[in-house]
Amino acid sequence: MSLCSKILGYRVLPTSILALVTYLALFIALLVTDALPNVPSALKQDGLDSKQAYDDLRHVSGVFWLFIERLTS
């Protein structure tokens, strides 16, 4: 038996610790790297109409979901 299989060999405690460390590493990496920039003020948006953009997005996504509903029914 190798040293690695003696330490990590499918026992409850080592497997649980390894899973916990893996999940913590992934969660911390996502927490650190997943950051969105702040929305610029209205003066710095260069004429962007966020209300119109939101309405357009709702329209486009609504058409997509209607298409999916037609395919599944």
PDB file of N, CA and C in Angstrom:
ATOM      1  N   MET A   1       0.827  -1.172   0.000  1.00  0.00           N
ATOM      2  CA  MET A   1       0.000   0.000   0.000  1.00  0.00           C
ATOM      3  C   MET A   1       0.881   1.249   0.000  1.00  0.00           C
ATOM      4  N   SER A   2       0.522   2.213  -0.822  1.00  0.00           N
ATOM      5  CA  SER A   2       1.314   3.434  -0.880  1.00  0.00           C
ATOM      6  C   SER A   2       0.910   4.383   0.245  1.00  0.00           C
ATOM      7  N   LEU A   3       1.749   5.389   0.454  1.00  0.00           N
ATOM      8  CA  LEU A   3       1.495   6.361   1.506  1.00  0.00           C
ATOM      9  C   LEU A   3       0.219   7.150   1.235  1.00  0.00           C
ATOM     10  N   CYS A   4      -0.017   7.498  -0.037  1.00  0.00           N
ATOM     11  CA  CYS A   4      -1.216   8.255  -0.395  1.00  0.00           C
ATOM     12  C   CYS A   4      -2.486   7.461  -0.102  1.00  0.00           C
ATOM     13  N   SER A   5      -2.497   6.182  -0.427  1.00  0.00           N
ATOM     14  CA  SER A   5      -3.694   5.382  -0.167  1.00  0.00           C
ATOM     15  C   SER A   5      -3.879   5.127   1.323  1.00  0.00           C
ATOM     16  N   LYS A   6      -2.797   5.149   2.096  1.00  0.00           N
ATOM     17  CA  LYS A   6      -2.935   5.012   3.546  1.00  0.00           C
ATOM     18  C   LYS A   6      -3.573   6.253   4.149  1.00  0.00           C
ATOM     19  N   ILE A   7      -3.226   7.432   3.608  1.00  0.00           N
ATOM     20  CA  ILE A   7      -3.745   8.679   4.164  1.00  0.00           C
ATOM     21  C   ILE A   7      -5.158   8.954   3.677  1.00  0.00           C
ATOM     22  N   LEU A   8      -5.413   8.823   2.377  1.00  0.00           N
ATOM     23  CA  LEU A   8      -6.698   9.183   1.798  1.00  0.00           C
ATOM     24  C   LEU A   8      -7.590   7.991   1.474  1.00  0.00           C
ATOM     25  N   GLY A   9      -7.284   6.830   1.950  1.00  0.00           N
ATOM     26  CA  GLY A   9      -7.913   5.597   1.511  1.00  0.00           C
ATOM     27  C   GLY A   9      -9.373   5.407   1.842  1.00  0.00           C
ATOM     28  N   TYR A  10     -10.263   6.185   1.287  1.00  0.00           N
ATOM     29  CA  TYR A  10     -11.715   5.999   1.356  1.00  0.00           C
ATOM     30  C   TYR A  10     -12.235   5.799   2.776  1.00  0.00           C
ATOM     31  N   ARG A  11     -11.647   6.502   3.708  1.00  0.00           N
ATOM     32  CA  ARG A  11     -12.192   6.513   5.059  1.00  0.00           C
ATOM     33  C   ARG A  11     -12.998   7.784   5.222  1.00  0.00           C
ATOM     34  N   VAL A  12     -13.867   7.832   6.202  1.00  0.00           N
ATOM     35  CA  VAL A  12     -14.817   8.925   6.336  1.00  0.00           C
ATOM     36  C   VAL A  12     -14.127  10.254   6.609  1.00  0.00           C
ATOM     37  N   LEU A  13     -13.291  10.329   7.594  1.00  0.00           N
ATOM     38  CA  LEU A  13     -12.692  11.601   7.983  1.00  0.00           C
ATOM     39  C   LEU A  13     -11.774  12.189   6.905  1.00  0.00           C
ATOM     40  N   PRO A  14     -10.820  11.449   6.351  1.00  0.00           N
ATOM     41  CA  PRO A  14      -9.981  12.054   5.307  1.00  0.00           C
ATOM     42  C   PRO A  14     -10.762  12.468   4.058  1.00  0.00           C
ATOM     43  N   THR A  15     -11.754  11.678   3.680  1.00  0.00           N
ATOM     44  CA  THR A  15     -12.559  12.016   2.513  1.00  0.00           C
ATOM     45  C   THR A  15     -13.393  13.264   2.772  1.00  0.00           C
ATOM     46  N   SER A  16     -13.943  13.377   3.958  1.00  0.00           N
ATOM     47  CA  SER A  16     -14.727  14.567   4.315  1.00  0.00           C
ATOM     48  C   SER A  16     -13.862  15.816   4.346  1.00  0.00           C
ATOM     49  N   ILE A  17     -12.675  15.705   4.898  1.00  0.00           N
ATOM     50  CA  ILE A  17     -11.758  16.852   4.948  1.00  0.00           C
ATOM     51  C   ILE A  17     -11.337  17.258   3.548  1.00  0.00           C
ATOM     52  N   LEU A  18     -11.033  16.302   2.704  1.00  0.00           N
ATOM     53  CA  LEU A  18     -10.644  16.607   1.327  1.00  0.00           C
ATOM     54  C   LEU A  18     -11.795  17.289   0.578  1.00  0.00           C
ATOM     55  N   ALA A  19     -13.009  16.813   0.756  1.00  0.00           N
ATOM     56  CA  ALA A  19     -14.168  17.429   0.107  1.00  0.00           C
ATOM     57  C   ALA A  19     -14.384  18.843   0.634  1.00  0.00           C
ATOM     58  N   LEU A  20     -14.254  19.039   1.931  1.00  0.00           N
ATOM     59  CA  LEU A  20     -14.427  20.356   2.532  1.00  0.00           C
ATOM     60  C   LEU A  20     -13.383  21.338   2.022  1.00  0.00           C
ATOM     61  N   VAL A  21     -12.142  20.922   1.962  1.00  0.00           N
ATOM     62  CA  VAL A  21     -11.071  21.791   1.465  1.00  0.00           C
ATOM     63  C   VAL A  21     -11.296  22.135  -0.004  1.00  0.00           C
ATOM     64  N   THR A  22     -11.747  21.172  -0.789  1.00  0.00           N
ATOM     65  CA  THR A  22     -12.010  21.418  -2.202  1.00  0.00           C
ATOM     66  C   THR A  22     -13.143  22.422  -2.385  1.00  0.00           C
ATOM     67  N   TYR A  23     -14.250  22.236  -1.677  1.00  0.00           N
ATOM     68  CA  TYR A  23     -15.374  23.167  -1.777  1.00  0.00           C
ATOM     69  C   TYR A  23     -14.999  24.554  -1.277  1.00  0.00           C
ATOM     70  N   LEU A  24     -14.247  24.630  -0.186  1.00  0.00           N
ATOM     71  CA  LEU A  24     -13.815  25.928   0.315  1.00  0.00           C
ATOM     72  C   LEU A  24     -12.917  26.644  -0.694  1.00  0.00           C
ATOM     73  N   ALA A  25     -12.010  25.912  -1.320  1.00  0.00           N
ATOM     74  CA  ALA A  25     -11.126  26.522  -2.313  1.00  0.00           C
ATOM     75  C   ALA A  25     -11.919  27.060  -3.494  1.00  0.00           C
ATOM     76  N   LEU A  26     -12.889  26.302  -3.978  1.00  0.00           N
ATOM     77  CA  LEU A  26     -13.719  26.764  -5.092  1.00  0.00           C
ATOM     78  C   LEU A  26     -14.571  27.961  -4.691  1.00  0.00           C
ATOM     79  N   PHE A  27     -15.171  27.930  -3.506  1.00  0.00           N
ATOM     80  CA  PHE A  27     -16.016  29.030  -3.055  1.00  0.00           C
ATOM     81  C   PHE A  27     -15.204  30.304  -2.873  1.00  0.00           C
ATOM     82  N   ILE A  28     -14.035  30.195  -2.269  1.00  0.00           N
ATOM     83  CA  ILE A  28     -13.197  31.377  -2.055  1.00  0.00           C
ATOM     84  C   ILE A  28     -12.707  31.935  -3.387  1.00  0.00           C
ATOM     85  N   ALA A  29     -12.346  31.054  -4.316  1.00  0.00           N
ATOM     86  CA  ALA A  29     -11.898  31.525  -5.632  1.00  0.00           C
ATOM     87  C   ALA A  29     -13.012  32.266  -6.351  1.00  0.00           C
ATOM     88  N   LEU A  30     -14.233  31.758  -6.287  1.00  0.00           N
ATOM     89  CA  LEU A  30     -15.362  32.445  -6.914  1.00  0.00           C
ATOM     90  C   LEU A  30     -15.690  33.747  -6.201  1.00  0.00           C
ATOM     91  N   LEU A  31     -15.590  33.749  -4.904  1.00  0.00           N
ATOM     92  CA  LEU A  31     -15.892  34.950  -4.133  1.00  0.00           C
ATOM     93  C   LEU A  31     -14.906  36.068  -4.447  1.00  0.00           C
ATOM     94  N   VAL A  32     -13.657  35.729  -4.629  1.00  0.00           N
ATOM     95  CA  VAL A  32     -12.621  36.724  -4.893  1.00  0.00           C
ATOM     96  C   VAL A  32     -12.692  37.232  -6.328  1.00  0.00           C
ATOM     97  N   THR A  33     -12.941  36.351  -7.284  1.00  0.00           N
ATOM     98  CA  THR A  33     -12.854  36.746  -8.686  1.00  0.00           C
ATOM     99  C   THR A  33     -14.169  37.200  -9.303  1.00  0.00           C
ATOM    100  N   ASP A  34     -15.288  36.941  -8.656  1.00  0.00           N
ATOM    101  CA  ASP A  34     -16.588  37.272  -9.238  1.00  0.00           C
ATOM    102  C   ASP A  34     -17.042  38.641  -8.747  1.00  0.00           C
ATOM    103  N   ALA A  35     -16.529  39.685  -9.366  1.00  0.00           N
ATOM    104  CA  ALA A  35     -16.885  41.046  -8.973  1.00  0.00           C
ATOM    105  C   ALA A  35     -17.329  41.821 -10.210  1.00  0.00           C
ATOM    106  N   LEU A  36     -18.422  42.540 -10.072  1.00  0.00           N
ATOM    107  CA  LEU A  36     -18.931  43.358 -11.159  1.00  0.00           C
ATOM    108  C   LEU A  36     -18.555  44.813 -10.907  1.00  0.00           C
ATOM    109  N   PRO A  37     -18.263  45.545 -11.963  1.00  0.00           N
ATOM    110  CA  PRO A  37     -17.973  46.965 -11.766  1.00  0.00           C
ATOM    111  C   PRO A  37     -19.250  47.723 -11.410  1.00  0.00           C
ATOM    112  N   ASN A  38     -19.075  48.871 -10.773  1.00  0.00           N
ATOM    113  CA  ASN A  38     -20.229  49.699 -10.424  1.00  0.00           C
ATOM    114  C   ASN A  38     -20.852  50.292 -11.679  1.00  0.00           C
ATOM    115  N   VAL A  39     -22.139  50.540 -11.611  1.00  0.00           N
ATOM    116  CA  VAL A  39     -22.848  51.171 -12.720  1.00  0.00           C
ATOM    117  C   VAL A  39     -22.431  52.641 -12.764  1.00  0.00           C
ATOM    118  N   PRO A  40     -22.058  53.137 -13.938  1.00  0.00           N
ATOM    119  CA  PRO A  40     -21.655  54.546 -14.017  1.00  0.00           C
ATOM    120  C   PRO A  40     -22.838  55.472 -13.757  1.00  0.00           C
ATOM    121  N   SER A  41     -22.534  56.670 -13.313  1.00  0.00           N
ATOM    122  CA  SER A  41     -23.597  57.639 -13.059  1.00  0.00           C
ATOM    123  C   SER A  41     -24.265  58.016 -14.376  1.00  0.00           C
ATOM    124  N   ALA A  42     -25.428  58.652 -14.281  1.00  0.00           N
ATOM    125  CA  ALA A  42     -26.194  59.016 -15.477  1.00  0.00           C
ATOM    126  C   ALA A  42     -25.415  59.976 -16.372  1.00  0.00           C
ATOM    127  N   LEU A  43     -24.559  60.791 -15.782  1.00  0.00           N
ATOM    128  CA  LEU A  43     -23.782  61.741 -16.577  1.00  0.00           C
ATOM    129  C   LEU A  43     -22.706  61.057 -17.417  1.00  0.00           C
ATOM    130  N   LYS A  44     -22.244  59.890 -16.976  1.00  0.00           N
ATOM    131  CA  LYS A  44     -21.159  59.199 -17.673  1.00  0.00           C
ATOM    132  C   LYS A  44     -21.641  58.058 -18.566  1.00  0.00           C
ATOM    133  N   GLN A  45     -22.930  57.953 -18.791  1.00  0.00           N
ATOM    134  CA  GLN A  45     -23.455  56.857 -19.598  1.00  0.00           C
ATOM    135  C   GLN A  45     -23.511  57.175 -21.083  1.00  0.00           C
ATOM    136  N   ASP A  46     -23.151  58.341 -21.485  1.00  0.00           N
ATOM    137  CA  ASP A  46     -23.086  58.735 -22.899  1.00  0.00           C
ATOM    138  C   ASP A  46     -24.381  58.447 -23.655  1.00  0.00           C
ATOM    139  N   GLY A  47     -25.510  58.863 -23.081  1.00  0.00           N
ATOM    140  CA  GLY A  47     -26.785  58.724 -23.781  1.00  0.00           C
ATOM    141  C   GLY A  47     -27.422  57.355 -23.695  1.00  0.00           C
ATOM    142  N   LEU A  48     -26.893  56.457 -22.892  1.00  0.00           N
ATOM    143  CA  LEU A  48     -27.481  55.130 -22.750  1.00  0.00           C
ATOM    144  C   LEU A  48     -28.792  55.239 -21.980  1.00  0.00           C
ATOM    145  N   ASP A  49     -29.839  54.694 -22.545  1.00  0.00           N
ATOM    146  CA  ASP A  49     -31.141  54.691 -21.888  1.00  0.00           C
ATOM    147  C   ASP A  49     -31.337  53.318 -21.255  1.00  0.00           C
ATOM    148  N   SER A  50     -31.073  53.221 -19.963  1.00  0.00           N
ATOM    149  CA  SER A  50     -31.130  51.920 -19.299  1.00  0.00           C
ATOM    150  C   SER A  50     -32.550  51.366 -19.244  1.00  0.00           C
ATOM    151  N   LYS A  51     -33.553  52.211 -19.164  1.00  0.00           N
ATOM    152  CA  LYS A  51     -34.947  51.745 -19.178  1.00  0.00           C
ATOM    153  C   LYS A  51     -35.270  51.084 -20.515  1.00  0.00           C
ATOM    154  N   GLN A  52     -34.852  51.716 -21.614  1.00  0.00           N
ATOM    155  CA  GLN A  52     -35.091  51.134 -22.938  1.00  0.00           C
ATOM    156  C   GLN A  52     -34.295  49.846 -23.111  1.00  0.00           C
ATOM    157  N   ALA A  53     -33.066  49.815 -22.605  1.00  0.00           N
ATOM    158  CA  ALA A  53     -32.253  48.603 -22.709  1.00  0.00           C
ATOM    159  C   ALA A  53     -32.891  47.458 -21.925  1.00  0.00           C
ATOM    160  N   TYR A  54     -33.430  47.761 -20.741  1.00  0.00           N
ATOM    161  CA  TYR A  54     -34.093  46.742 -19.938  1.00  0.00           C
ATOM    162  C   TYR A  54     -35.362  46.229 -20.629  1.00  0.00           C
ATOM    163  N   ASP A  55     -36.124  47.134 -21.192  1.00  0.00           N
ATOM    164  CA  ASP A  55     -37.325  46.719 -21.923  1.00  0.00           C
ATOM    165  C   ASP A  55     -36.979  45.858 -23.131  1.00  0.00           C
ATOM    166  N   ASP A  56     -35.915  46.224 -23.836  1.00  0.00           N
ATOM    167  CA  ASP A  56     -35.467  45.410 -24.972  1.00  0.00           C
ATOM    168  C   ASP A  56     -35.040  44.022 -24.518  1.00  0.00           C
ATOM    169  N   LEU A  57     -34.321  43.960 -23.405  1.00  0.00           N
ATOM    170  CA  LEU A  57     -33.873  42.673 -22.882  1.00  0.00           C
ATOM    171  C   LEU A  57     -35.051  41.800 -22.481  1.00  0.00           C
ATOM    172  N   ARG A  58     -36.052  42.387 -21.841  1.00  0.00           N
ATOM    173  CA  ARG A  58     -37.252  41.637 -21.474  1.00  0.00           C
ATOM    174  C   ARG A  58     -37.980  41.144 -22.722  1.00  0.00           C
ATOM    175  N   HIS A  59     -38.038  41.965 -23.744  1.00  0.00           N
ATOM    176  CA  HIS A  59     -38.703  41.578 -24.982  1.00  0.00           C
ATOM    177  C   HIS A  59     -37.978  40.406 -25.646  1.00  0.00           C
ATOM    178  N   VAL A  60     -36.669  40.509 -25.751  1.00  0.00           N
ATOM    179  CA  VAL A  60     -35.885  39.457 -26.404  1.00  0.00           C
ATOM    180  C   VAL A  60     -35.956  38.160 -25.607  1.00  0.00           C
ATOM    181  N   SER A  61     -35.816  38.237 -24.292  1.00  0.00           N
ATOM    182  CA  SER A  61     -35.849  37.016 -23.498  1.00  0.00           C
ATOM    183  C   SER A  61     -37.255  36.424 -23.458  1.00  0.00           C
ATOM    184  N   GLY A  62     -38.273  37.245 -23.517  1.00  0.00           N
ATOM    185  CA  GLY A  62     -39.640  36.730 -23.553  1.00  0.00           C
ATOM    186  C   GLY A  62     -39.921  35.964 -24.826  1.00  0.00           C
ATOM    187  N   VAL A  63     -39.423  36.453 -25.935  1.00  0.00           N
ATOM    188  CA  VAL A  63     -39.606  35.762 -27.219  1.00  0.00           C
ATOM    189  C   VAL A  63     -38.893  34.416 -27.166  1.00  0.00           C
ATOM    190  N   PHE A  64     -37.710  34.392 -26.560  1.00  0.00           N
ATOM    191  CA  PHE A  64     -36.971  33.137 -26.458  1.00  0.00           C
ATOM    192  C   PHE A  64     -37.751  32.109 -25.643  1.00  0.00           C
ATOM    193  N   TRP A  65     -38.309  32.518 -24.500  1.00  0.00           N
ATOM    194  CA  TRP A  65     -39.035  31.570 -23.663  1.00  0.00           C
ATOM    195  C   TRP A  65     -40.333  31.112 -24.333  1.00  0.00           C
ATOM    196  N   LEU A  66     -40.969  31.985 -25.083  1.00  0.00           N
ATOM    197  CA  LEU A  66     -42.148  31.551 -25.821  1.00  0.00           C
ATOM    198  C   LEU A  66     -41.778  30.502 -26.864  1.00  0.00           C
ATOM    199  N   PHE A  67     -40.608  30.680 -27.491  1.00  0.00           N
ATOM    200  CA  PHE A  67     -40.129  29.709 -28.467  1.00  0.00           C
ATOM    201  C   PHE A  67     -39.883  28.357 -27.796  1.00  0.00           C
ATOM    202  N   ILE A  68     -39.258  28.359 -26.618  1.00  0.00           N
ATOM    203  CA  ILE A  68     -38.986  27.122 -25.893  1.00  0.00           C
ATOM    204  C   ILE A  68     -40.299  26.453 -25.475  1.00  0.00           C
ATOM    205  N   GLU A  69     -41.274  27.254 -25.022  1.00  0.00           N
ATOM    206  CA  GLU A  69     -42.568  26.675 -24.614  1.00  0.00           C
ATOM    207  C   GLU A  69     -43.265  26.019 -25.793  1.00  0.00           C
ATOM    208  N   ARG A  70     -43.140  26.611 -26.971  1.00  0.00           N
ATOM    209  CA  ARG A  70     -43.763  26.005 -28.153  1.00  0.00           C
ATOM    210  C   ARG A  70     -43.086  24.685 -28.518  1.00  0.00           C
ATOM    211  N   LEU A  71     -41.774  24.633 -28.339  1.00  0.00           N
ATOM    212  CA  LEU A  71     -41.068  23.392 -28.658  1.00  0.00           C
ATOM    213  C   LEU A  71     -41.425  22.269 -27.706  1.00  0.00           C
ATOM    214  N   THR A  72     -41.654  22.585 -26.441  1.00  0.00           N
ATOM    215  CA  THR A  72     -41.902  21.537 -25.456  1.00  0.00           C
ATOM    216  C   THR A  72     -43.360  21.117 -25.393  1.00  0.00           C
ATOM    217  N   SER A  73     -44.267  21.893 -25.969  1.00  0.00           N
ATOM    218  CA  SER A  73     -45.676  21.506 -25.878  1.00  0.00           C
ATOM    219  C   SER A  73     -46.132  20.744 -27.107  1.00  0.00           C
TER     220      SER A  73
END
